[in-house]
Amino acid sequence: MEHPNYKILDEKSKNYMNYKNEWKEKENIVDEQMPKINRQNQKIRISTLHGNTLNDFLIMKNWIMYARKIGDINYKKFDKNLQLSNYMEFQFSKQLEHRVKEFSKMKT
C-alpha cells in the first residue's frame, strides 16, 4: 500500500511522511522473500548468442522513429515509409516537451 503522504517532500509540512524504523524491518522481510526476478521489473537477463538481438533491433527502430519525429530526415536511409504508432507518438511527445524545457533553461 502506498502511504497517503508519500508525495509530500517538504519536511516542514504537517503532512510530511515520517519514515518509521519498524517499516524498514518489514521491507527487509518482503525483499528477502520476493524472488529476485520480481525486483528487477520482471526481466531476466541472460547471455545470448553473439551478434544483434531482437532487443537491439527494437532499440534501433525506436531511435529511427525518434529521428523522424524530430525532423531528422536521415531516418529515410533506413525506412522511407516508417510509421509511428500512437503509443510511440505519445512517448516521443513527452520526451520532446522535456527536452524543450531542458534546453530553454540553458539559454537563460
PDB file of N, CA and C in Angstrom:
ATOM      1  N   MET A   1       0.831  -1.186   0.000  1.00  0.00           N
ATOM      2  CA  MET A   1       0.000   0.000   0.000  1.00  0.00           C
ATOM      3  C   MET A   1       0.871   1.244   0.000  1.00  0.00           C
ATOM      4  N   GLU A   2       0.398   2.220  -0.664  1.00  0.00           N
ATOM      5  CA  GLU A   2       1.100   3.496  -0.750  1.00  0.00           C
ATOM      6  C   GLU A   2       0.700   4.372   0.430  1.00  0.00           C
ATOM      7  N   HIS A   3       1.673   5.000   1.048  1.00  0.00           N
ATOM      8  CA  HIS A   3       1.403   5.916   2.161  1.00  0.00           C
ATOM      9  C   HIS A   3       0.686   7.146   1.594  1.00  0.00           C
ATOM     10  N   PRO A   4      -0.386   7.616   2.231  1.00  0.00           N
ATOM     11  CA  PRO A   4      -1.154   8.739   1.671  1.00  0.00           C
ATOM     12  C   PRO A   4      -0.343  10.022   1.497  1.00  0.00           C
ATOM     13  N   ASN A   5       0.736  10.185   2.232  1.00  0.00           N
ATOM     14  CA  ASN A   5       1.522  11.417   2.151  1.00  0.00           C
ATOM     15  C   ASN A   5       2.884  11.208   1.507  1.00  0.00           C
ATOM     16  N   TYR A   6       3.047  10.120   0.755  1.00  0.00           N
ATOM     17  CA  TYR A   6       4.382   9.819   0.237  1.00  0.00           C
ATOM     18  C   TYR A   6       4.896  10.867  -0.746  1.00  0.00           C
ATOM     19  N   LYS A   7       4.027  11.643  -1.364  1.00  0.00           N
ATOM     20  CA  LYS A   7       4.464  12.646  -2.342  1.00  0.00           C
ATOM     21  C   LYS A   7       4.832  13.981  -1.694  1.00  0.00           C
ATOM     22  N   ILE A   8       4.574  14.142  -0.432  1.00  0.00           N
ATOM     23  CA  ILE A   8       4.860  15.405   0.249  1.00  0.00           C
ATOM     24  C   ILE A   8       6.340  15.430   0.603  1.00  0.00           C
ATOM     25  N   LEU A   9       7.068  16.337  -0.019  1.00  0.00           N
ATOM     26  CA  LEU A   9       8.518  16.372   0.112  1.00  0.00           C
ATOM     27  C   LEU A   9       9.021  17.443   1.065  1.00  0.00           C
ATOM     28  N   ASP A  10       8.162  18.345   1.438  1.00  0.00           N
ATOM     29  CA  ASP A  10       8.561  19.431   2.326  1.00  0.00           C
ATOM     30  C   ASP A  10       8.569  18.929   3.764  1.00  0.00           C
ATOM     31  N   GLU A  11       9.760  18.818   4.348  1.00  0.00           N
ATOM     32  CA  GLU A  11       9.900  18.286   5.701  1.00  0.00           C
ATOM     33  C   GLU A  11       9.188  19.142   6.744  1.00  0.00           C
ATOM     34  N   LYS A  12       8.920  20.386   6.420  1.00  0.00           N
ATOM     35  CA  LYS A  12       8.268  21.283   7.374  1.00  0.00           C
ATOM     36  C   LYS A  12       6.748  21.135   7.343  1.00  0.00           C
ATOM     37  N   SER A  13       6.230  20.440   6.344  1.00  0.00           N
ATOM     38  CA  SER A  13       4.787  20.265   6.215  1.00  0.00           C
ATOM     39  C   SER A  13       4.263  19.365   7.328  1.00  0.00           C
ATOM     40  N   LYS A  14       3.065  19.684   7.820  1.00  0.00           N
ATOM     41  CA  LYS A  14       2.478  18.845   8.876  1.00  0.00           C
ATOM     42  C   LYS A  14       2.126  17.459   8.349  1.00  0.00           C
ATOM     43  N   ASN A  15       1.988  17.325   7.025  1.00  0.00           N
ATOM     44  CA  ASN A  15       1.648  16.033   6.426  1.00  0.00           C
ATOM     45  C   ASN A  15       2.860  15.291   5.880  1.00  0.00           C
ATOM     46  N   TYR A  16       4.052  15.766   6.204  1.00  0.00           N
ATOM     47  CA  TYR A  16       5.274  15.114   5.721  1.00  0.00           C
ATOM     48  C   TYR A  16       5.320  13.680   6.244  1.00  0.00           C
ATOM     49  N   MET A  17       5.675  12.762   5.354  1.00  0.00           N
ATOM     50  CA  MET A  17       5.704  11.349   5.725  1.00  0.00           C
ATOM     51  C   MET A  17       6.967  11.045   6.530  1.00  0.00           C
ATOM     52  N   ASN A  18       6.791  10.734   7.781  1.00  0.00           N
ATOM     53  CA  ASN A  18       7.917  10.333   8.617  1.00  0.00           C
ATOM     54  C   ASN A  18       8.128   8.833   8.468  1.00  0.00           C
ATOM     55  N   TYR A  19       9.347   8.463   8.207  1.00  0.00           N
ATOM     56  CA  TYR A  19       9.688   7.060   8.000  1.00  0.00           C
ATOM     57  C   TYR A  19       9.921   6.403   9.356  1.00  0.00           C
ATOM     58  N   LYS A  20       9.124   5.390   9.644  1.00  0.00           N
ATOM     59  CA  LYS A  20       9.239   4.697  10.923  1.00  0.00           C
ATOM     60  C   LYS A  20      10.240   3.542  10.783  1.00  0.00           C
ATOM     61  N   ASN A  21      11.081   3.367  11.784  1.00  0.00           N
ATOM     62  CA  ASN A  21      12.106   2.322  11.737  1.00  0.00           C
ATOM     63  C   ASN A  21      11.515   0.933  11.578  1.00  0.00           C
ATOM     64  N   GLU A  22      10.360   0.676  12.168  1.00  0.00           N
ATOM     65  CA  GLU A  22       9.764  -0.662  12.047  1.00  0.00           C
ATOM     66  C   GLU A  22       9.334  -0.971  10.611  1.00  0.00           C
ATOM     67  N   TRP A  23       9.142   0.063   9.786  1.00  0.00           N
ATOM     68  CA  TRP A  23       8.819  -0.167   8.374  1.00  0.00           C
ATOM     69  C   TRP A  23       9.984  -0.836   7.670  1.00  0.00           C
ATOM     70  N   LYS A  24      11.206  -0.410   7.991  1.00  0.00           N
ATOM     71  CA  LYS A  24      12.393  -0.972   7.345  1.00  0.00           C
ATOM     72  C   LYS A  24      12.487  -2.471   7.613  1.00  0.00           C
ATOM     73  N   GLU A  25      12.156  -2.878   8.833  1.00  0.00           N
ATOM     74  CA  GLU A  25      12.178  -4.304   9.166  1.00  0.00           C
ATOM     75  C   GLU A  25      11.210  -5.079   8.274  1.00  0.00           C
ATOM     76  N   LYS A  26      10.034  -4.542   8.083  1.00  0.00           N
ATOM     77  CA  LYS A  26       9.030  -5.209   7.244  1.00  0.00           C
ATOM     78  C   LYS A  26       9.458  -5.211   5.775  1.00  0.00           C
ATOM     79  N   GLU A  27      10.036  -4.115   5.312  1.00  0.00           N
ATOM     80  CA  GLU A  27      10.519  -4.054   3.932  1.00  0.00           C
ATOM     81  C   GLU A  27      11.615  -5.094   3.694  1.00  0.00           C
ATOM     82  N   ASN A  28      12.490  -5.275   4.679  1.00  0.00           N
ATOM     83  CA  ASN A  28      13.545  -6.283   4.547  1.00  0.00           C
ATOM     84  C   ASN A  28      12.964  -7.681   4.417  1.00  0.00           C
ATOM     85  N   ILE A  29      11.901  -7.965   5.182  1.00  0.00           N
ATOM     86  CA  ILE A  29      11.248  -9.281   5.094  1.00  0.00           C
ATOM     87  C   ILE A  29      10.703  -9.497   3.693  1.00  0.00           C
ATOM     88  N   VAL A  30      10.014  -8.504   3.156  1.00  0.00           N
ATOM     89  CA  VAL A  30       9.452  -8.618   1.811  1.00  0.00           C
ATOM     90  C   VAL A  30      10.568  -8.780   0.783  1.00  0.00           C
ATOM     91  N   ASP A  31      11.623  -7.976   0.902  1.00  0.00           N
ATOM     92  CA  ASP A  31      12.728  -8.046  -0.048  1.00  0.00           C
ATOM     93  C   ASP A  31      13.385  -9.422  -0.050  1.00  0.00           C
ATOM     94  N   GLU A  32      13.519 -10.030   1.121  1.00  0.00           N
ATOM     95  CA  GLU A  32      14.148 -11.341   1.214  1.00  0.00           C
ATOM     96  C   GLU A  32      13.258 -12.440   0.653  1.00  0.00           C
ATOM     97  N   GLN A  33      11.951 -12.289   0.801  1.00  0.00           N
ATOM     98  CA  GLN A  33      11.031 -13.338   0.370  1.00  0.00           C
ATOM     99  C   GLN A  33      10.619 -13.205  -1.088  1.00  0.00           C
ATOM    100  N   MET A  34      10.707 -12.010  -1.628  1.00  0.00           N
ATOM    101  CA  MET A  34      10.303 -11.789  -3.013  1.00  0.00           C
ATOM    102  C   MET A  34      11.412 -12.280  -3.940  1.00  0.00           C
ATOM    103  N   PRO A  35      11.061 -13.115  -4.918  1.00  0.00           N
ATOM    104  CA  PRO A  35      12.086 -13.593  -5.844  1.00  0.00           C
ATOM    105  C   PRO A  35      12.790 -12.441  -6.544  1.00  0.00           C
ATOM    106  N   LYS A  36      14.067 -12.623  -6.816  1.00  0.00           N
ATOM    107  CA  LYS A  36      14.884 -11.576  -7.431  1.00  0.00           C
ATOM    108  C   LYS A  36      14.290 -11.106  -8.756  1.00  0.00           C
ATOM    109  N   ILE A  37      13.703 -12.012  -9.517  1.00  0.00           N
ATOM    110  CA  ILE A  37      13.141 -11.639 -10.821  1.00  0.00           C
ATOM    111  C   ILE A  37      12.095 -10.545 -10.666  1.00  0.00           C
ATOM    112  N   ASN A  38      11.276 -10.578  -9.605  1.00  0.00           N
ATOM    113  CA  ASN A  38      10.234  -9.568  -9.410  1.00  0.00           C
ATOM    114  C   ASN A  38      10.806  -8.220  -9.018  1.00  0.00           C
ATOM    115  N   ARG A  39      11.976  -8.199  -8.433  1.00  0.00           N
ATOM    116  CA  ARG A  39      12.581  -6.941  -8.014  1.00  0.00           C
ATOM    117  C   ARG A  39      13.275  -6.235  -9.162  1.00  0.00           C
ATOM    118  N   GLN A  40      13.412  -6.865 -10.284  1.00  0.00           N
ATOM    119  CA  GLN A  40      14.095  -6.260 -11.426  1.00  0.00           C
ATOM    120  C   GLN A  40      13.140  -6.084 -12.599  1.00  0.00           C
ATOM    121  N   ASN A  41      11.947  -5.571 -12.295  1.00  0.00           N
ATOM    122  CA  ASN A  41      10.945  -5.305 -13.328  1.00  0.00           C
ATOM    123  C   ASN A  41      10.603  -6.551 -14.129  1.00  0.00           C
ATOM    124  N   GLN A  42      10.706  -7.703 -13.499  1.00  0.00           N
ATOM    125  CA  GLN A  42      10.334  -8.983 -14.083  1.00  0.00           C
ATOM    126  C   GLN A  42      11.087  -9.302 -15.363  1.00  0.00           C
ATOM    127  N   LYS A  43      12.314  -8.821 -15.483  1.00  0.00           N
ATOM    128  CA  LYS A  43      13.132  -9.108 -16.651  1.00  0.00           C
ATOM    129  C   LYS A  43      14.266 -10.029 -16.254  1.00  0.00           C
ATOM    130  N   ILE A  44      14.455 -11.057 -17.023  1.00  0.00           N
ATOM    131  CA  ILE A  44      15.569 -11.960 -16.787  1.00  0.00           C
ATOM    132  C   ILE A  44      16.629 -11.658 -17.831  1.00  0.00           C
ATOM    133  N   ARG A  45      17.816 -11.326 -17.378  1.00  0.00           N
ATOM    134  CA  ARG A  45      18.927 -11.038 -18.274  1.00  0.00           C
ATOM    135  C   ARG A  45      19.799 -12.276 -18.372  1.00  0.00           C
ATOM    136  N   ILE A  46      19.892 -12.815 -19.556  1.00  0.00           N
ATOM    137  CA  ILE A  46      20.746 -13.975 -19.757  1.00  0.00           C
ATOM    138  C   ILE A  46      21.662 -13.722 -20.938  1.00  0.00           C
ATOM    139  N   SER A  47      22.757 -14.436 -20.981  1.00  0.00           N
ATOM    140  CA  SER A  47      23.666 -14.306 -22.115  1.00  0.00           C
ATOM    141  C   SER A  47      22.977 -14.852 -23.356  1.00  0.00           C
ATOM    142  N   THR A  48      23.223 -14.215 -24.485  1.00  0.00           N
ATOM    143  CA  THR A  48      22.627 -14.665 -25.736  1.00  0.00           C
ATOM    144  C   THR A  48      23.742 -14.960 -26.726  1.00  0.00           C
ATOM    145  N   LEU A  49      23.333 -15.347 -27.902  1.00  0.00           N
ATOM    146  CA  LEU A  49      24.307 -15.583 -28.954  1.00  0.00           C
ATOM    147  C   LEU A  49      25.006 -14.281 -29.300  1.00  0.00           C
ATOM    148  N   HIS A  50      26.178 -14.375 -29.843  1.00  0.00           N
ATOM    149  CA  HIS A  50      26.894 -13.172 -30.265  1.00  0.00           C
ATOM    150  C   HIS A  50      26.158 -12.535 -31.434  1.00  0.00           C
ATOM    151  N   GLY A  51      26.201 -11.226 -31.489  1.00  0.00           N
ATOM    152  CA  GLY A  51      25.540 -10.508 -32.576  1.00  0.00           C
ATOM    153  C   GLY A  51      24.338  -9.744 -32.068  1.00  0.00           C
ATOM    154  N   ASN A  52      23.541  -9.237 -32.984  1.00  0.00           N
ATOM    155  CA  ASN A  52      22.377  -8.430 -32.627  1.00  0.00           C
ATOM    156  C   ASN A  52      21.231  -9.303 -32.160  1.00  0.00           C
ATOM    157  N   THR A  53      20.476  -8.765 -31.222  1.00  0.00           N
ATOM    158  CA  THR A  53      19.297  -9.448 -30.696  1.00  0.00           C
ATOM    159  C   THR A  53      18.050  -8.682 -31.120  1.00  0.00           C
ATOM    160  N   LEU A  54      16.907  -9.272 -30.878  1.00  0.00           N
ATOM    161  CA  LEU A  54      15.649  -8.590 -31.162  1.00  0.00           C
ATOM    162  C   LEU A  54      15.582  -7.277 -30.390  1.00  0.00           C
ATOM    163  N   ASN A  55      16.037  -7.303 -29.157  1.00  0.00           N
ATOM    164  CA  ASN A  55      16.058  -6.089 -28.336  1.00  0.00           C
ATOM    165  C   ASN A  55      16.905  -4.997 -28.997  1.00  0.00           C
ATOM    166  N   ASP A  56      18.054  -5.363 -29.537  1.00  0.00           N
ATOM    167  CA  ASP A  56      18.912  -4.393 -30.230  1.00  0.00           C
ATOM    168  C   ASP A  56      18.174  -3.754 -31.399  1.00  0.00           C
ATOM    169  N   PHE A  57      17.486  -4.574 -32.193  1.00  0.00           N
ATOM    170  CA  PHE A  57      16.767  -4.050 -33.350  1.00  0.00           C
ATOM    171  C   PHE A  57      15.612  -3.155 -32.941  1.00  0.00           C
ATOM    172  N   LEU A  58      14.927  -3.499 -31.868  1.00  0.00           N
ATOM    173  CA  LEU A  58      13.824  -2.655 -31.411  1.00  0.00           C
ATOM    174  C   LEU A  58      14.335  -1.301 -30.913  1.00  0.00           C
ATOM    175  N   ILE A  59      15.476  -1.309 -30.245  1.00  0.00           N
ATOM    176  CA  ILE A  59      16.073  -0.043 -29.802  1.00  0.00           C
ATOM    177  C   ILE A  59      16.448   0.810 -31.003  1.00  0.00           C
ATOM    178  N   MET A  60      17.060   0.190 -32.014  1.00  0.00           N
ATOM    179  CA  MET A  60      17.429   0.938 -33.225  1.00  0.00           C
ATOM    180  C   MET A  60      16.194   1.495 -33.913  1.00  0.00           C
ATOM    181  N   LYS A  61      15.128   0.691 -33.967  1.00  0.00           N
ATOM    182  CA  LYS A  61      13.896   1.170 -34.603  1.00  0.00           C
ATOM    183  C   LYS A  61      13.343   2.371 -33.845  1.00  0.00           C
ATOM    184  N   ASN A  62      13.396   2.331 -32.517  1.00  0.00           N
ATOM    185  CA  ASN A  62      12.908   3.465 -31.728  1.00  0.00           C
ATOM    186  C   ASN A  62      13.721   4.725 -32.015  1.00  0.00           C
ATOM    187  N   TRP A  63      15.039   4.592 -32.156  1.00  0.00           N
ATOM    188  CA  TRP A  63      15.870   5.752 -32.477  1.00  0.00           C
ATOM    189  C   TRP A  63      15.543   6.284 -33.872  1.00  0.00           C
ATOM    190  N   ILE A  64      15.274   5.398 -34.796  1.00  0.00           N
ATOM    191  CA  ILE A  64      14.908   5.832 -36.156  1.00  0.00           C
ATOM    192  C   ILE A  64      13.565   6.566 -36.120  1.00  0.00           C
ATOM    193  N   MET A  65      12.605   6.042 -35.353  1.00  0.00           N
ATOM    194  CA  MET A  65      11.308   6.724 -35.224  1.00  0.00           C
ATOM    195  C   MET A  65      11.484   8.084 -34.555  1.00  0.00           C
ATOM    196  N   TYR A  66      12.361   8.168 -33.574  1.00  0.00           N
ATOM    197  CA  TYR A  66      12.620   9.436 -32.897  1.00  0.00           C
ATOM    198  C   TYR A  66      13.218  10.442 -33.884  1.00  0.00           C
ATOM    199  N   ALA A  67      14.131   9.974 -34.726  1.00  0.00           N
ATOM    200  CA  ALA A  67      14.722  10.862 -35.735  1.00  0.00           C
ATOM    201  C   ALA A  67      13.631  11.438 -36.625  1.00  0.00           C
ATOM    202  N   ARG A  68      12.696  10.588 -37.030  1.00  0.00           N
ATOM    203  CA  ARG A  68      11.598  11.077 -37.873  1.00  0.00           C
ATOM    204  C   ARG A  68      10.774  12.116 -37.121  1.00  0.00           C
ATOM    205  N   LYS A  69      10.484  11.846 -35.875  1.00  0.00           N
ATOM    206  CA  LYS A  69       9.653  12.746 -35.072  1.00  0.00           C
ATOM    207  C   LYS A  69      10.289  14.127 -34.931  1.00  0.00           C
ATOM    208  N   ILE A  70      11.620  14.188 -34.797  1.00  0.00           N
ATOM    209  CA  ILE A  70      12.269  15.491 -34.609  1.00  0.00           C
ATOM    210  C   ILE A  70      12.669  16.142 -35.932  1.00  0.00           C
ATOM    211  N   GLY A  71      12.310  15.493 -37.051  1.00  0.00           N
ATOM    212  CA  GLY A  71      12.580  16.103 -38.349  1.00  0.00           C
ATOM    213  C   GLY A  71      13.942  15.784 -38.934  1.00  0.00           C
ATOM    214  N   ASP A  72      14.640  14.809 -38.401  1.00  0.00           N
ATOM    215  CA  ASP A  72      15.935  14.385 -38.938  1.00  0.00           C
ATOM    216  C   ASP A  72      15.664  13.424 -40.099  1.00  0.00           C
ATOM    217  N   ILE A  73      15.849  13.891 -41.326  1.00  0.00           N
ATOM    218  CA  ILE A  73      15.483  13.088 -42.496  1.00  0.00           C
ATOM    219  C   ILE A  73      16.417  11.904 -42.736  1.00  0.00           C
ATOM    220  N   ASN A  74      17.459  11.771 -41.953  1.00  0.00           N
ATOM    221  CA  ASN A  74      18.342  10.620 -42.101  1.00  0.00           C
ATOM    222  C   ASN A  74      17.635   9.297 -41.818  1.00  0.00           C
ATOM    223  N   TYR A  75      16.473   9.338 -41.170  1.00  0.00           N
ATOM    224  CA  TYR A  75      15.725   8.108 -40.926  1.00  0.00           C
ATOM    225  C   TYR A  75      15.375   7.426 -42.247  1.00  0.00           C
ATOM    226  N   LYS A  76      15.264   8.219 -43.333  1.00  0.00           N
ATOM    227  CA  LYS A  76      14.888   7.664 -44.637  1.00  0.00           C
ATOM    228  C   LYS A  76      15.950   6.718 -45.184  1.00  0.00           C
ATOM    229  N   LYS A  77      17.182   6.814 -44.699  1.00  0.00           N
ATOM    230  CA  LYS A  77      18.224   5.886 -45.117  1.00  0.00           C
ATOM    231  C   LYS A  77      17.897   4.460 -44.673  1.00  0.00           C
ATOM    232  N   PHE A  78      17.071   4.353 -43.641  1.00  0.00           N
ATOM    233  CA  PHE A  78      16.724   3.046 -43.090  1.00  0.00           C
ATOM    234  C   PHE A  78      15.333   2.595 -43.483  1.00  0.00           C
ATOM    235  N   ASP A  79      14.379   3.536 -43.471  1.00  0.00           N
ATOM    236  CA  ASP A  79      12.993   3.169 -43.752  1.00  0.00           C
ATOM    237  C   ASP A  79      12.217   4.414 -44.178  1.00  0.00           C
ATOM    238  N   LYS A  80      12.001   4.557 -45.484  1.00  0.00           N
ATOM    239  CA  LYS A  80      11.307   5.741 -46.004  1.00  0.00           C
ATOM    240  C   LYS A  80       9.836   5.765 -45.601  1.00  0.00           C
ATOM    241  N   ASN A  81       9.253   4.594 -45.358  1.00  0.00           N
ATOM    242  CA  ASN A  81       7.818   4.501 -45.066  1.00  0.00           C
ATOM    243  C   ASN A  81       7.528   4.251 -43.589  1.00  0.00           C
ATOM    244  N   LEU A  82       8.450   4.616 -42.753  1.00  0.00           N
ATOM    245  CA  LEU A  82       8.318   4.351 -41.325  1.00  0.00           C
ATOM    246  C   LEU A  82       7.091   5.054 -40.759  1.00  0.00           C
ATOM    247  N   GLN A  83       6.259   4.307 -40.059  1.00  0.00           N
ATOM    248  CA  GLN A  83       5.069   4.857 -39.426  1.00  0.00           C
ATOM    249  C   GLN A  83       5.255   4.842 -37.917  1.00  0.00           C
ATOM    250  N   LEU A  84       4.781   5.887 -37.256  1.00  0.00           N
ATOM    251  CA  LEU A  84       4.824   5.943 -35.798  1.00  0.00           C
ATOM    252  C   LEU A  84       3.503   5.443 -35.238  1.00  0.00           C
ATOM    253  N   SER A  85       3.572   4.556 -34.277  1.00  0.00           N
ATOM    254  CA  SER A  85       2.347   4.109 -33.612  1.00  0.00           C
ATOM    255  C   SER A  85       1.852   5.236 -32.709  1.00  0.00           C
ATOM    256  N   ASN A  86       0.581   5.184 -32.349  1.00  0.00           N
ATOM    257  CA  ASN A  86       0.030   6.194 -31.438  1.00  0.00           C
ATOM    258  C   ASN A  86       0.787   6.193 -30.120  1.00  0.00           C
ATOM    259  N   TYR A  87       1.164   5.016 -29.650  1.00  0.00           N
ATOM    260  CA  TYR A  87       1.897   4.907 -28.391  1.00  0.00           C
ATOM    261  C   TYR A  87       3.249   5.605 -28.489  1.00  0.00           C
ATOM    262  N   MET A  88       3.997   5.324 -29.544  1.00  0.00           N
ATOM    263  CA  MET A  88       5.319   5.933 -29.696  1.00  0.00           C
ATOM    264  C   MET A  88       5.195   7.435 -29.933  1.00  0.00           C
ATOM    265  N   GLU A  89       4.195   7.847 -30.666  1.00  0.00           N
ATOM    266  CA  GLU A  89       3.952   9.276 -30.882  1.00  0.00           C
ATOM    267  C   GLU A  89       3.769   9.978 -29.535  1.00  0.00           C
ATOM    268  N   PHE A  90       2.986   9.373 -28.656  1.00  0.00           N
ATOM    269  CA  PHE A  90       2.752   9.934 -27.323  1.00  0.00           C
ATOM    270  C   PHE A  90       4.045   9.965 -26.516  1.00  0.00           C
ATOM    271  N   GLN A  91       4.800   8.877 -26.525  1.00  0.00           N
ATOM    272  CA  GLN A  91       6.046   8.814 -25.768  1.00  0.00           C
ATOM    273  C   GLN A  91       7.051   9.863 -26.257  1.00  0.00           C
ATOM    274  N   PHE A  92       7.176   9.998 -27.574  1.00  0.00           N
ATOM    275  CA  PHE A  92       8.112  10.975 -28.125  1.00  0.00           C
ATOM    276  C   PHE A  92       7.667  12.394 -27.811  1.00  0.00           C
ATOM    277  N   SER A  93       6.368  12.635 -27.804  1.00  0.00           N
ATOM    278  CA  SER A  93       5.864  13.977 -27.486  1.00  0.00           C
ATOM    279  C   SER A  93       6.265  14.371 -26.069  1.00  0.00           C
ATOM    280  N   LYS A  94       6.139  13.425 -25.140  1.00  0.00           N
ATOM    281  CA  LYS A  94       6.548  13.709 -23.757  1.00  0.00           C
ATOM    282  C   LYS A  94       8.045  14.006 -23.700  1.00  0.00           C
ATOM    283  N   GLN A  95       8.834  13.231 -24.440  1.00  0.00           N
ATOM    284  CA  GLN A  95      10.281  13.415 -24.450  1.00  0.00           C
ATOM    285  C   GLN A  95      10.632  14.782 -25.035  1.00  0.00           C
ATOM    286  N   LEU A  96       9.963  15.152 -26.106  1.00  0.00           N
ATOM    287  CA  LEU A  96      10.249  16.441 -26.740  1.00  0.00           C
ATOM    288  C   LEU A  96       9.886  17.609 -25.821  1.00  0.00           C
ATOM    289  N   GLU A  97       8.760  17.488 -25.119  1.00  0.00           N
ATOM    290  CA  GLU A  97       8.387  18.533 -24.162  1.00  0.00           C
ATOM    291  C   GLU A  97       9.471  18.685 -23.096  1.00  0.00           C
ATOM    292  N   HIS A  98       9.958  17.565 -22.622  1.00  0.00           N
ATOM    293  CA  HIS A  98      11.018  17.579 -21.610  1.00  0.00           C
ATOM    294  C   HIS A  98      12.273  18.254 -22.158  1.00  0.00           C
ATOM    295  N   ARG A  99      12.660  17.916 -23.381  1.00  0.00           N
ATOM    296  CA  ARG A  99      13.883  18.481 -23.968  1.00  0.00           C
ATOM    297  C   ARG A  99      13.741  19.980 -24.209  1.00  0.00           C
ATOM    298  N   VAL A 100      12.568  20.424 -24.652  1.00  0.00           N
ATOM    299  CA  VAL A 100      12.349  21.860 -24.870  1.00  0.00           C
ATOM    300  C   VAL A 100      12.528  22.617 -23.565  1.00  0.00           C
ATOM    301  N   LYS A 101      11.937  22.084 -22.475  1.00  0.00           N
ATOM    302  CA  LYS A 101      12.090  22.722 -21.173  1.00  0.00           C
ATOM    303  C   LYS A 101      13.546  22.720 -20.730  1.00  0.00           C
ATOM    304  N   GLU A 102      14.209  21.588 -20.943  1.00  0.00           N
ATOM    305  CA  GLU A 102      15.606  21.461 -20.534  1.00  0.00           C
ATOM    306  C   GLU A 102      16.499  22.453 -21.278  1.00  0.00           C
ATOM    307  N   PHE A 103      16.330  22.571 -22.594  1.00  0.00           N
ATOM    308  CA  PHE A 103      17.166  23.458 -23.373  1.00  0.00           C
ATOM    309  C   PHE A 103      16.805  24.919 -23.157  1.00  0.00           C
ATOM    310  N   SER A 104      15.539  25.209 -22.865  1.00  0.00           N
ATOM    311  CA  SER A 104      15.170  26.609 -22.624  1.00  0.00           C
ATOM    312  C   SER A 104      15.814  27.111 -21.333  1.00  0.00           C
ATOM    313  N   LYS A 105      16.047  26.232 -20.364  1.00  0.00           N
ATOM    314  CA  LYS A 105      16.741  26.626 -19.134  1.00  0.00           C
ATOM    315  C   LYS A 105      18.201  26.949 -19.420  1.00  0.00           C
ATOM    316  N   MET A 106      18.796  26.296 -20.397  1.00  0.00           N
ATOM    317  CA  MET A 106      20.201  26.509 -20.730  1.00  0.00           C
ATOM    318  C   MET A 106      20.427  27.865 -21.387  1.00  0.00           C
ATOM    319  N   LYS A 107      19.427  28.353 -22.085  1.00  0.00           N
ATOM    320  CA  LYS A 107      19.564  29.625 -22.807  1.00  0.00           C
ATOM    321  C   LYS A 107      19.614  30.818 -21.877  1.00  0.00           C
ATOM    322  N   THR A 108      18.998  30.680 -20.711  1.00  0.00           N
ATOM    323  CA  THR A 108      18.936  31.825 -19.790  1.00  0.00           C
ATOM    324  C   THR A 108      20.169  31.943 -18.954  1.00  0.00           C
TER     325      THR A 108
END
